């Protein structure tokens, strides 16, 4: 009876060590196959504490958690894999881990009132005349269409600069559309279906490369409204890589 008990304890210990080793490899398949685990729940809770929006701490590494990991990785200039790599878990557990939802404006973007876009971070900042950040958010863009440089909010190619409810010419609305580059590139809310009113993807995908726009900057509804009021005609928009 004692031998059987000891054997069972050893088996449990081996299983625990195996899961721990698998978690440390940063392999999504190893983590997912193990099912709900305490280390995943703790990591999700930590991501939520840091404003990375991992969703419910359920111990399952789903798409929303991967998106949160990606935002955390971009904030810490780690390789954006969406996986709990060894470096990612070490940074997540550090006392000085940085928040995902508040970031410093990249350097060399000029001075004064402006909008700054980071394609690497998938992030947008609204900077007031005194240099204070008055708003910021993740975004979805397409770097192959939107190139680095500085432009201004305005009419391009004979198209209106600001349209509250723009149409994509098909079945989608592009609300709070603010044009800032030729010819059809602007800021707008994540597109919504004309038939149902539903967004084509959730807010928690902004700040990642999990989706790609046709060239515009897709934003959550609340921030798209803030951009609409901030980015008046002539407002400078600077696009950087870092």
C-alpha atoms as a PDB file:
ATOM      1  CA  UNK A   1       0.000   0.000   0.000  1.00  0.00           C
ATOM      2  CA  UNK A   2       2.886   2.359   0.946  1.00  0.00           C
ATOM      3  CA  UNK A   3       4.735   1.475  -2.265  1.00  0.00           C
ATOM      4  CA  UNK A   4       1.618   2.237  -4.347  1.00  0.00           C
ATOM      5  CA  UNK A   5       1.193   5.626  -2.566  1.00  0.00           C
ATOM      6  CA  UNK A   6       4.840   6.582  -3.101  1.00  0.00           C
ATOM      7  CA  UNK A   7       4.569   5.582  -6.771  1.00  0.00           C
ATOM      8  CA  UNK A   8       1.483   7.765  -7.200  1.00  0.00           C
ATOM      9  CA  UNK A   9       3.228  10.745  -5.592  1.00  0.00           C
ATOM     10  CA  UNK A  10       6.248  10.320  -7.864  1.00  0.00           C
ATOM     11  CA  UNK A  11       4.002  10.184 -10.926  1.00  0.00           C
ATOM     12  CA  UNK A  12       2.298  13.411  -9.896  1.00  0.00           C
ATOM     13  CA  UNK A  13       5.678  15.043  -9.299  1.00  0.00           C
ATOM     14  CA  UNK A  14       6.957  13.985 -12.718  1.00  0.00           C
ATOM     15  CA  UNK A  15       3.795  15.340 -14.369  1.00  0.00           C
ATOM     16  CA  UNK A  16       4.158  18.669 -12.549  1.00  0.00           C
ATOM     17  CA  UNK A  17       7.797  18.983 -13.599  1.00  0.00           C
ATOM     18  CA  UNK A  18       6.914  18.080 -17.182  1.00  0.00           C
ATOM     19  CA  UNK A  19       4.270  20.819 -17.349  1.00  0.00           C
ATOM     20  CA  UNK A  20       6.632  23.338 -15.816  1.00  0.00           C
ATOM     21  CA  UNK A  21       9.354  22.495 -18.330  1.00  0.00           C
ATOM     22  CA  UNK A  22       6.872  22.691 -21.204  1.00  0.00           C
ATOM     23  CA  UNK A  23       5.701  26.094 -19.993  1.00  0.00           C
ATOM     24  CA  UNK A  24       9.260  27.367 -19.876  1.00  0.00           C
ATOM     25  CA  UNK A  25       9.964  26.477 -23.497  1.00  0.00           C
ATOM     26  CA  UNK A  26       7.562  29.111 -24.799  1.00  0.00           C
ATOM     27  CA  UNK A  27       5.891  26.537 -27.030  1.00  0.00           C
ATOM     28  CA  UNK A  28       2.220  27.339 -27.590  1.00  0.00           C
ATOM     29  CA  UNK A  29       1.422  23.750 -28.510  1.00  0.00           C
ATOM     30  CA  UNK A  30       2.948  22.393 -25.304  1.00  0.00           C
ATOM     31  CA  UNK A  31       1.120  24.989 -23.210  1.00  0.00           C
ATOM     32  CA  UNK A  32      -2.232  24.516 -24.952  1.00  0.00           C
ATOM     33  CA  UNK A  33      -2.047  20.723 -24.769  1.00  0.00           C
ATOM     34  CA  UNK A  34      -1.521  20.868 -21.009  1.00  0.00           C
ATOM     35  CA  UNK A  35      -4.916  22.505 -20.524  1.00  0.00           C
ATOM     36  CA  UNK A  36      -5.812  25.056 -17.837  1.00  0.00           C
ATOM     37  CA  UNK A  37      -2.816  25.636 -15.547  1.00  0.00           C
ATOM     38  CA  UNK A  38      -2.093  27.889 -12.632  1.00  0.00           C
ATOM     39  CA  UNK A  39       0.854  29.584 -14.362  1.00  0.00           C
ATOM     40  CA  UNK A  40      -1.361  30.559 -17.309  1.00  0.00           C
ATOM     41  CA  UNK A  41      -4.055  31.982 -15.016  1.00  0.00           C
ATOM     42  CA  UNK A  42      -1.455  33.927 -13.066  1.00  0.00           C
ATOM     43  CA  UNK A  43       0.028  35.235 -16.317  1.00  0.00           C
ATOM     44  CA  UNK A  44      -3.411  36.314 -17.538  1.00  0.00           C
ATOM     45  CA  UNK A  45      -4.083  38.086 -14.248  1.00  0.00           C
ATOM     46  CA  UNK A  46      -0.728  39.836 -14.509  1.00  0.00           C
ATOM     47  CA  UNK A  47      -1.433  40.903 -18.105  1.00  0.00           C
ATOM     48  CA  UNK A  48      -4.779  42.350 -17.013  1.00  0.00           C
ATOM     49  CA  UNK A  49      -3.132  44.212 -14.111  1.00  0.00           C
ATOM     50  CA  UNK A  50      -0.803  45.811 -16.666  1.00  0.00           C
ATOM     51  CA  UNK A  51      -3.643  46.909 -18.943  1.00  0.00           C
ATOM     52  CA  UNK A  52      -2.874  44.369 -21.674  1.00  0.00           C
ATOM     53  CA  UNK A  53      -6.487  43.051 -21.838  1.00  0.00           C
ATOM     54  CA  UNK A  54      -6.077  39.282 -21.670  1.00  0.00           C
ATOM     55  CA  UNK A  55      -9.761  38.696 -20.948  1.00  0.00           C
ATOM     56  CA  UNK A  56     -10.957  36.203 -18.292  1.00  0.00           C
ATOM     57  CA  UNK A  57      -8.163  34.465 -16.388  1.00  0.00           C
ATOM     58  CA  UNK A  58      -9.344  30.990 -17.369  1.00  0.00           C
ATOM     59  CA  UNK A  59      -6.002  29.231 -17.841  1.00  0.00           C
ATOM     60  CA  UNK A  60      -6.571  28.808 -21.585  1.00  0.00           C
ATOM     61  CA  UNK A  61      -4.156  30.414 -24.056  1.00  0.00           C
ATOM     62  CA  UNK A  62      -6.704  31.572 -26.627  1.00  0.00           C
ATOM     63  CA  UNK A  63      -6.609  34.319 -29.256  1.00  0.00           C
ATOM     64  CA  UNK A  64      -7.368  37.111 -26.809  1.00  0.00           C
ATOM     65  CA  UNK A  65      -4.575  36.054 -24.488  1.00  0.00           C
ATOM     66  CA  UNK A  66      -2.167  35.800 -27.429  1.00  0.00           C
ATOM     67  CA  UNK A  67      -3.154  39.328 -28.468  1.00  0.00           C
ATOM     68  CA  UNK A  68      -2.449  40.552 -24.921  1.00  0.00           C
ATOM     69  CA  UNK A  69       0.944  38.833 -24.959  1.00  0.00           C
ATOM     70  CA  UNK A  70       1.737  40.512 -28.287  1.00  0.00           C
ATOM     71  CA  UNK A  71       0.903  43.948 -26.856  1.00  0.00           C
ATOM     72  CA  UNK A  72       3.091  43.210 -23.846  1.00  0.00           C
ATOM     73  CA  UNK A  73       5.947  42.092 -26.097  1.00  0.00           C
ATOM     74  CA  UNK A  74       5.710  45.208 -28.263  1.00  0.00           C
ATOM     75  CA  UNK A  75       5.749  47.380 -25.134  1.00  0.00           C
ATOM     76  CA  UNK A  76       8.968  45.705 -23.966  1.00  0.00           C
ATOM     77  CA  UNK A  77      10.567  45.536 -27.442  1.00  0.00           C
ATOM     78  CA  UNK A  78      10.523  41.746 -27.425  1.00  0.00           C
ATOM     79  CA  UNK A  79       9.914  39.617 -30.485  1.00  0.00           C
ATOM     80  CA  UNK A  80       6.164  39.722 -31.086  1.00  0.00           C
ATOM     81  CA  UNK A  81       5.180  36.056 -31.170  1.00  0.00           C
ATOM     82  CA  UNK A  82       2.058  36.070 -28.989  1.00  0.00           C
ATOM     83  CA  UNK A  83       3.618  33.173 -27.070  1.00  0.00           C
ATOM     84  CA  UNK A  84       4.771  32.929 -23.467  1.00  0.00           C
ATOM     85  CA  UNK A  85       8.461  32.695 -24.348  1.00  0.00           C
ATOM     86  CA  UNK A  86      11.057  32.528 -21.584  1.00  0.00           C
ATOM     87  CA  UNK A  87      11.933  36.211 -22.091  1.00  0.00           C
ATOM     88  CA  UNK A  88       8.271  37.183 -22.051  1.00  0.00           C
ATOM     89  CA  UNK A  89       7.548  35.345 -18.814  1.00  0.00           C
ATOM     90  CA  UNK A  90      10.630  36.830 -17.162  1.00  0.00           C
ATOM     91  CA  UNK A  91       9.597  40.361 -18.200  1.00  0.00           C
ATOM     92  CA  UNK A  92       6.004  39.718 -17.100  1.00  0.00           C
ATOM     93  CA  UNK A  93       7.148  38.628 -13.649  1.00  0.00           C
ATOM     94  CA  UNK A  94       9.502  41.565 -13.168  1.00  0.00           C
ATOM     95  CA  UNK A  95       8.568  44.193 -10.606  1.00  0.00           C
ATOM     96  CA  UNK A  96       9.234  46.922 -13.193  1.00  0.00           C
ATOM     97  CA  UNK A  97       7.063  45.420 -15.930  1.00  0.00           C
ATOM     98  CA  UNK A  98       5.528  48.230 -17.995  1.00  0.00           C
ATOM     99  CA  UNK A  99       1.844  48.787 -18.695  1.00  0.00           C
ATOM    100  CA  UNK A 100       0.574  48.015 -22.182  1.00  0.00           C
ATOM    101  CA  UNK A 101      -2.010  50.795 -22.366  1.00  0.00           C
ATOM    102  CA  UNK A 102       0.290  53.719 -21.520  1.00  0.00           C
ATOM    103  CA  UNK A 103       3.420  54.262 -23.589  1.00  0.00           C
ATOM    104  CA  UNK A 104       5.933  57.063 -24.176  1.00  0.00           C
ATOM    105  CA  UNK A 105       5.825  58.849 -27.522  1.00  0.00           C
ATOM    106  CA  UNK A 106       8.683  57.667 -29.776  1.00  0.00           C
ATOM    107  CA  UNK A 107      11.549  60.108 -30.131  1.00  0.00           C
ATOM    108  CA  UNK A 108      12.258  62.250 -33.185  1.00  0.00           C
ATOM    109  CA  UNK A 109       8.597  62.885 -33.990  1.00  0.00           C
ATOM    110  CA  UNK A 110       8.845  66.649 -33.780  1.00  0.00           C
ATOM    111  CA  UNK A 111       7.271  69.074 -31.351  1.00  0.00           C
ATOM    112  CA  UNK A 112       3.926  70.744 -30.913  1.00  0.00           C
ATOM    113  CA  UNK A 113       0.426  69.494 -31.531  1.00  0.00           C
ATOM    114  CA  UNK A 114       0.453  66.276 -33.562  1.00  0.00           C
ATOM    115  CA  UNK A 115      -0.685  62.691 -34.026  1.00  0.00           C
ATOM    116  CA  UNK A 116       2.061  60.054 -33.869  1.00  0.00           C
ATOM    117  CA  UNK A 117       1.742  56.539 -35.315  1.00  0.00           C
ATOM    118  CA  UNK A 118       4.177  53.707 -34.510  1.00  0.00           C
ATOM    119  CA  UNK A 119       3.947  50.855 -36.986  1.00  0.00           C
ATOM    120  CA  UNK A 120       6.143  48.539 -34.902  1.00  0.00           C
ATOM    121  CA  UNK A 121       4.079  49.048 -31.768  1.00  0.00           C
ATOM    122  CA  UNK A 122       0.750  49.327 -33.641  1.00  0.00           C
ATOM    123  CA  UNK A 123       0.052  52.383 -31.518  1.00  0.00           C
ATOM    124  CA  UNK A 124      -1.298  55.942 -31.877  1.00  0.00           C
ATOM    125  CA  UNK A 125      -0.687  59.000 -29.660  1.00  0.00           C
ATOM    126  CA  UNK A 126      -2.477  62.365 -29.617  1.00  0.00           C
ATOM    127  CA  UNK A 127       0.031  64.970 -28.466  1.00  0.00           C
ATOM    128  CA  UNK A 128      -1.143  68.422 -27.376  1.00  0.00           C
ATOM    129  CA  UNK A 129       0.568  71.718 -28.138  1.00  0.00           C
ATOM    130  CA  UNK A 130       2.516  71.592 -24.862  1.00  0.00           C
ATOM    131  CA  UNK A 131       3.825  68.089 -25.547  1.00  0.00           C
ATOM    132  CA  UNK A 132       1.391  66.356 -23.186  1.00  0.00           C
ATOM    133  CA  UNK A 133      -0.201  63.109 -24.407  1.00  0.00           C
ATOM    134  CA  UNK A 134      -3.979  63.632 -24.337  1.00  0.00           C
ATOM    135  CA  UNK A 135      -4.910  60.206 -25.721  1.00  0.00           C
ATOM    136  CA  UNK A 136      -3.429  56.952 -26.955  1.00  0.00           C
ATOM    137  CA  UNK A 137      -4.586  53.566 -28.195  1.00  0.00           C
ATOM    138  CA  UNK A 138      -3.650  50.472 -30.103  1.00  0.00           C
ATOM    139  CA  UNK A 139      -4.475  50.319 -33.806  1.00  0.00           C
ATOM    140  CA  UNK A 140      -4.639  48.055 -36.851  1.00  0.00           C
ATOM    141  CA  UNK A 141      -2.830  49.291 -39.967  1.00  0.00           C
ATOM    142  CA  UNK A 142      -1.007  48.117 -43.096  1.00  0.00           C
ATOM    143  CA  UNK A 143       2.668  49.196 -43.299  1.00  0.00           C
ATOM    144  CA  UNK A 144       2.906  48.068 -46.924  1.00  0.00           C
ATOM    145  CA  UNK A 145       0.412  50.818 -47.835  1.00  0.00           C
ATOM    146  CA  UNK A 146       0.982  53.502 -45.218  1.00  0.00           C
ATOM    147  CA  UNK A 147       4.578  54.709 -45.410  1.00  0.00           C
ATOM    148  CA  UNK A 148       6.688  56.535 -42.852  1.00  0.00           C
ATOM    149  CA  UNK A 149       6.863  60.302 -42.897  1.00  0.00           C
ATOM    150  CA  UNK A 150       4.800  63.367 -42.012  1.00  0.00           C
ATOM    151  CA  UNK A 151       1.527  64.510 -43.553  1.00  0.00           C
ATOM    152  CA  UNK A 152      -1.438  66.602 -42.427  1.00  0.00           C
ATOM    153  CA  UNK A 153      -5.152  66.056 -42.031  1.00  0.00           C
ATOM    154  CA  UNK A 154      -6.874  67.301 -45.155  1.00  0.00           C
ATOM    155  CA  UNK A 155      -8.523  66.565 -48.477  1.00  0.00           C
ATOM    156  CA  UNK A 156      -6.532  64.345 -50.848  1.00  0.00           C
ATOM    157  CA  UNK A 157      -7.310  63.336 -54.426  1.00  0.00           C
ATOM    158  CA  UNK A 158     -10.403  65.499 -54.310  1.00  0.00           C
ATOM    159  CA  UNK A 159     -11.881  63.512 -51.430  1.00  0.00           C
ATOM    160  CA  UNK A 160     -13.448  64.997 -48.325  1.00  0.00           C
ATOM    161  CA  UNK A 161     -11.142  65.233 -45.315  1.00  0.00           C
ATOM    162  CA  UNK A 162     -13.612  64.371 -42.560  1.00  0.00           C
ATOM    163  CA  UNK A 163     -16.674  62.135 -42.855  1.00  0.00           C
ATOM    164  CA  UNK A 164     -18.691  61.054 -39.832  1.00  0.00           C
ATOM    165  CA  UNK A 165     -20.096  57.958 -41.537  1.00  0.00           C
ATOM    166  CA  UNK A 166     -17.952  56.968 -44.484  1.00  0.00           C
ATOM    167  CA  UNK A 167     -18.729  53.979 -46.718  1.00  0.00           C
ATOM    168  CA  UNK A 168     -16.164  51.525 -48.042  1.00  0.00           C
ATOM    169  CA  UNK A 169     -18.215  51.288 -51.229  1.00  0.00           C
ATOM    170  CA  UNK A 170     -19.499  47.895 -50.142  1.00  0.00           C
ATOM    171  CA  UNK A 171     -21.121  46.518 -47.022  1.00  0.00           C
ATOM    172  CA  UNK A 172     -19.127  48.384 -44.351  1.00  0.00           C
ATOM    173  CA  UNK A 173     -19.286  51.708 -42.531  1.00  0.00           C
ATOM    174  CA  UNK A 174     -16.076  53.551 -41.588  1.00  0.00           C
ATOM    175  CA  UNK A 175     -17.224  55.835 -38.786  1.00  0.00           C
ATOM    176  CA  UNK A 176     -15.359  58.986 -37.654  1.00  0.00           C
ATOM    177  CA  UNK A 177     -13.232  58.978 -40.798  1.00  0.00           C
ATOM    178  CA  UNK A 178     -10.363  61.512 -40.764  1.00  0.00           C
ATOM    179  CA  UNK A 179      -8.216  61.588 -43.917  1.00  0.00           C
ATOM    180  CA  UNK A 180      -4.507  62.352 -43.564  1.00  0.00           C
ATOM    181  CA  UNK A 181      -2.728  60.735 -46.540  1.00  0.00           C
ATOM    182  CA  UNK A 182      -3.332  60.083 -50.264  1.00  0.00           C
ATOM    183  CA  UNK A 183      -5.694  59.028 -51.428  1.00  0.00           C
ATOM    184  CA  UNK A 184      -8.097  57.116 -49.227  1.00  0.00           C
ATOM    185  CA  UNK A 185      -5.993  56.685 -46.068  1.00  0.00           C
ATOM    186  CA  UNK A 186      -7.430  57.953 -42.805  1.00  0.00           C
ATOM    187  CA  UNK A 187      -8.278  57.158 -39.203  1.00  0.00           C
ATOM    188  CA  UNK A 188     -11.618  55.503 -38.522  1.00  0.00           C
ATOM    189  CA  UNK A 189     -13.452  53.181 -36.215  1.00  0.00           C
ATOM    190  CA  UNK A 190     -13.021  49.435 -36.771  1.00  0.00           C
ATOM    191  CA  UNK A 191     -15.363  48.864 -39.757  1.00  0.00           C
ATOM    192  CA  UNK A 192     -18.923  47.852 -38.957  1.00  0.00           C
ATOM    193  CA  UNK A 193     -21.384  45.874 -41.030  1.00  0.00           C
ATOM    194  CA  UNK A 194     -24.117  47.943 -42.687  1.00  0.00           C
ATOM    195  CA  UNK A 195     -26.455  44.990 -42.234  1.00  0.00           C
ATOM    196  CA  UNK A 196     -25.864  44.176 -38.564  1.00  0.00           C
ATOM    197  CA  UNK A 197     -23.883  47.064 -37.097  1.00  0.00           C
ATOM    198  CA  UNK A 198     -21.295  44.617 -35.746  1.00  0.00           C
ATOM    199  CA  UNK A 199     -17.563  45.310 -35.957  1.00  0.00           C
ATOM    200  CA  UNK A 200     -15.589  43.087 -38.321  1.00  0.00           C
ATOM    201  CA  UNK A 201     -13.181  42.236 -35.483  1.00  0.00           C
ATOM    202  CA  UNK A 202     -13.035  42.916 -31.725  1.00  0.00           C
ATOM    203  CA  UNK A 203     -11.281  45.820 -30.028  1.00  0.00           C
ATOM    204  CA  UNK A 204      -8.769  43.504 -28.369  1.00  0.00           C
ATOM    205  CA  UNK A 205      -7.010  42.860 -31.692  1.00  0.00           C
ATOM    206  CA  UNK A 206      -5.761  46.458 -31.895  1.00  0.00           C
ATOM    207  CA  UNK A 207      -2.101  46.850 -30.991  1.00  0.00           C
ATOM    208  CA  UNK A 208      -1.227  43.608 -32.804  1.00  0.00           C
ATOM    209  CA  UNK A 209      -0.536  42.357 -36.331  1.00  0.00           C
ATOM    210  CA  UNK A 210      -3.289  39.746 -36.054  1.00  0.00           C
ATOM    211  CA  UNK A 211      -5.316  41.783 -38.561  1.00  0.00           C
ATOM    212  CA  UNK A 212      -4.309  44.067 -41.424  1.00  0.00           C
ATOM    213  CA  UNK A 213      -6.256  47.000 -42.832  1.00  0.00           C
ATOM    214  CA  UNK A 214      -6.404  48.102 -46.465  1.00  0.00           C
ATOM    215  CA  UNK A 215      -4.170  51.023 -45.507  1.00  0.00           C
ATOM    216  CA  UNK A 216      -6.230  53.008 -43.009  1.00  0.00           C
ATOM    217  CA  UNK A 217      -5.805  53.190 -39.238  1.00  0.00           C
ATOM    218  CA  UNK A 218      -8.538  51.184 -37.501  1.00  0.00           C
ATOM    219  CA  UNK A 219      -9.377  52.255 -33.970  1.00  0.00           C
ATOM    220  CA  UNK A 220     -11.770  51.318 -31.131  1.00  0.00           C
ATOM    221  CA  UNK A 221     -14.954  53.396 -31.162  1.00  0.00           C
ATOM    222  CA  UNK A 222     -14.141  55.597 -28.153  1.00  0.00           C
ATOM    223  CA  UNK A 223     -10.676  56.497 -29.399  1.00  0.00           C
ATOM    224  CA  UNK A 224     -11.933  57.097 -32.954  1.00  0.00           C
ATOM    225  CA  UNK A 225     -14.230  59.750 -31.466  1.00  0.00           C
ATOM    226  CA  UNK A 226     -11.289  61.314 -29.642  1.00  0.00           C
ATOM    227  CA  UNK A 227      -9.261  61.397 -32.868  1.00  0.00           C
ATOM    228  CA  UNK A 228     -12.224  62.968 -34.683  1.00  0.00           C
ATOM    229  CA  UNK A 229     -12.272  65.897 -32.240  1.00  0.00           C
ATOM    230  CA  UNK A 230      -8.472  66.222 -31.976  1.00  0.00           C
ATOM    231  CA  UNK A 231      -7.369  65.814 -35.617  1.00  0.00           C
ATOM    232  CA  UNK A 232      -8.814  68.953 -37.159  1.00  0.00           C
ATOM    233  CA  UNK A 233      -7.834  70.188 -40.627  1.00  0.00           C
ATOM    234  CA  UNK A 234      -4.093  70.776 -40.876  1.00  0.00           C
ATOM    235  CA  UNK A 235      -3.176  68.638 -37.854  1.00  0.00           C
ATOM    236  CA  UNK A 236       0.250  67.080 -38.360  1.00  0.00           C
ATOM    237  CA  UNK A 237       0.443  63.262 -38.521  1.00  0.00           C
ATOM    238  CA  UNK A 238       3.839  61.564 -38.192  1.00  0.00           C
ATOM    239  CA  UNK A 239       4.319  57.879 -38.999  1.00  0.00           C
ATOM    240  CA  UNK A 240       7.407  56.147 -37.593  1.00  0.00           C
ATOM    241  CA  UNK A 241       8.652  52.588 -37.507  1.00  0.00           C
ATOM    242  CA  UNK A 242       9.778  52.361 -33.867  1.00  0.00           C
END
